[in-house]
Amino acid sequence: MDILDWKERPYVTLEQMANYSPLDNDTARKYGAVVKAAEISNRDYGYRYQKLNTSQAMQSPPSSHMHIHLGYLVVRKLGTPQQYETWMPDHVFDELYEVIDKA
């Protein structure tokens, strides 16, 4: 995903994210039939969390002080009062979701 330069990548908007669907019914039931996602590192998600966690629902970032890992910013439960953001390692995300359309 090459939507922003590296300085702006942590602050990608919901509209700039691609749509993904769960690969199984259990994941769809728990987190919604569609999620929005963008590729960012765990460290970038940490920067995003520091800047935005007071204004939107977000799960705490994983540790990134020693290791930086590629993964996805994922917005789950879209359009509901329970909507929230989280970060997932790329290999976990790839096991759960497939792209519907790219942003």
Protein backbone atom coordinates (compact mmCIF):
# COMPACT_ATOMS: atom_id res chain seq x y z
CA MET A 1 0.00 0.00 0.00
CA ASP A 2 1.64 3.21 -1.11
CA ILE A 3 -0.89 5.84 -0.12
CA LEU A 4 1.21 8.21 1.95
CA ASP A 5 4.81 9.15 2.44
CA TRP A 6 6.46 7.51 5.44
CA LYS A 7 5.91 10.50 7.77
CA GLU A 8 2.13 10.46 7.24
CA ARG A 9 1.61 6.67 7.11
CA PRO A 10 0.67 6.35 10.82
CA TYR A 11 -2.11 8.90 10.32
CA VAL A 12 -3.89 7.26 7.40
CA THR A 13 -7.62 8.07 7.42
CA LEU A 14 -10.45 5.57 7.36
CA GLU A 15 -11.29 6.67 3.81
CA GLN A 16 -7.76 5.87 2.65
CA MET A 17 -7.85 2.30 4.00
CA ALA A 18 -8.75 -0.74 1.92
CA ASN A 19 -11.78 -2.94 2.66
CA TYR A 20 -11.19 -6.52 3.79
CA SER A 21 -13.56 -9.39 4.53
CA PRO A 22 -13.05 -12.16 7.07
CA LEU A 23 -12.15 -15.60 5.76
CA ASP A 24 -14.40 -17.37 8.28
CA ASN A 25 -17.82 -16.83 9.84
CA ASP A 26 -16.53 -16.74 13.43
CA THR A 27 -14.25 -13.77 12.71
CA ALA A 28 -17.08 -12.03 10.81
CA ARG A 29 -19.48 -12.54 13.73
CA LYS A 30 -16.97 -11.19 16.28
CA TYR A 31 -15.55 -8.22 14.34
CA GLY A 32 -17.90 -7.42 11.45
CA ALA A 33 -18.42 -8.53 7.85
CA VAL A 34 -16.02 -5.83 6.62
CA VAL A 35 -12.99 -4.21 8.24
CA LYS A 36 -10.80 -1.36 7.05
CA ALA A 37 -7.04 -1.87 7.14
CA ALA A 38 -3.72 -0.33 6.11
CA GLU A 39 -0.20 -1.67 6.30
CA ILE A 40 1.86 0.00 9.03
CA SER A 41 4.52 -1.16 11.48
CA ASN A 42 3.96 -1.71 15.18
CA ARG A 43 6.07 1.37 15.87
CA ASP A 44 3.96 3.51 13.53
CA TYR A 45 0.85 2.25 15.31
CA GLY A 46 2.47 3.39 18.57
CA TYR A 47 2.90 6.91 17.14
CA ARG A 48 -0.73 6.87 15.98
CA TYR A 49 -1.89 5.73 19.41
CA GLN A 50 0.02 8.51 21.17
CA LYS A 51 -1.59 11.12 18.94
CA LEU A 52 -5.15 9.80 18.59
CA ASN A 53 -6.08 7.58 21.56
CA THR A 54 -7.90 10.36 23.41
CA SER A 55 -10.19 11.06 20.45
CA GLN A 56 -11.00 7.55 19.20
CA ALA A 57 -11.30 3.99 20.50
CA MET A 58 -7.98 2.20 20.12
CA GLN A 59 -6.34 -0.84 21.64
CA SER A 60 -2.93 -0.25 23.17
CA PRO A 61 0.02 -0.75 20.82
CA PRO A 62 2.37 -3.71 21.11
CA SER A 63 5.90 -3.08 22.28
CA SER A 64 8.19 -1.67 19.61
CA HIS A 65 11.20 -0.44 21.55
CA MET A 66 13.32 -3.45 20.53
CA HIS A 67 11.76 -4.89 17.37
CA ILE A 68 9.83 -3.31 14.55
CA HIS A 69 7.37 -5.61 12.77
CA LEU A 70 5.23 -5.12 9.71
CA GLY A 71 1.53 -5.47 10.14
CA TYR A 72 -1.83 -3.81 9.74
CA LEU A 73 -3.80 -1.06 11.38
CA VAL A 74 -7.27 -2.64 11.50
CA VAL A 75 -10.59 -0.90 12.18
CA ARG A 76 -13.14 -3.44 13.41
CA LYS A 77 -16.89 -3.29 14.08
CA LEU A 78 -17.28 -0.57 11.45
CA GLY A 79 -20.18 1.82 11.83
CA THR A 80 -21.16 0.62 15.31
CA PRO A 81 -20.72 2.25 18.72
CA GLN A 82 -18.13 -0.47 19.43
CA GLN A 83 -15.89 0.50 16.47
CA TYR A 84 -12.22 0.44 17.43
CA GLU A 85 -8.69 0.32 16.00
CA THR A 86 -6.04 -2.26 16.68
CA TRP A 87 -2.75 -3.45 15.21
CA MET A 88 -2.06 -6.99 14.00
CA PRO A 89 1.12 -8.65 12.70
CA ASP A 90 0.91 -9.24 8.95
CA HIS A 91 0.97 -13.06 9.19
CA VAL A 92 -1.99 -13.06 11.63
CA PHE A 93 -3.96 -10.57 9.53
CA ASP A 94 -3.34 -12.60 6.35
CA GLU A 95 -4.78 -15.71 8.04
CA LEU A 96 -8.00 -13.86 8.95
CA TYR A 97 -8.78 -11.46 6.09
CA GLU A 98 -8.76 -11.02 2.32
CA VAL A 99 -8.91 -7.77 0.39
CA ILE A 100 -12.27 -6.76 -1.10
CA ASP A 101 -11.05 -3.58 -2.76
CA LYS A 102 -8.03 -1.36 -2.42
CA ALA A 103 -8.43 2.23 -1.38
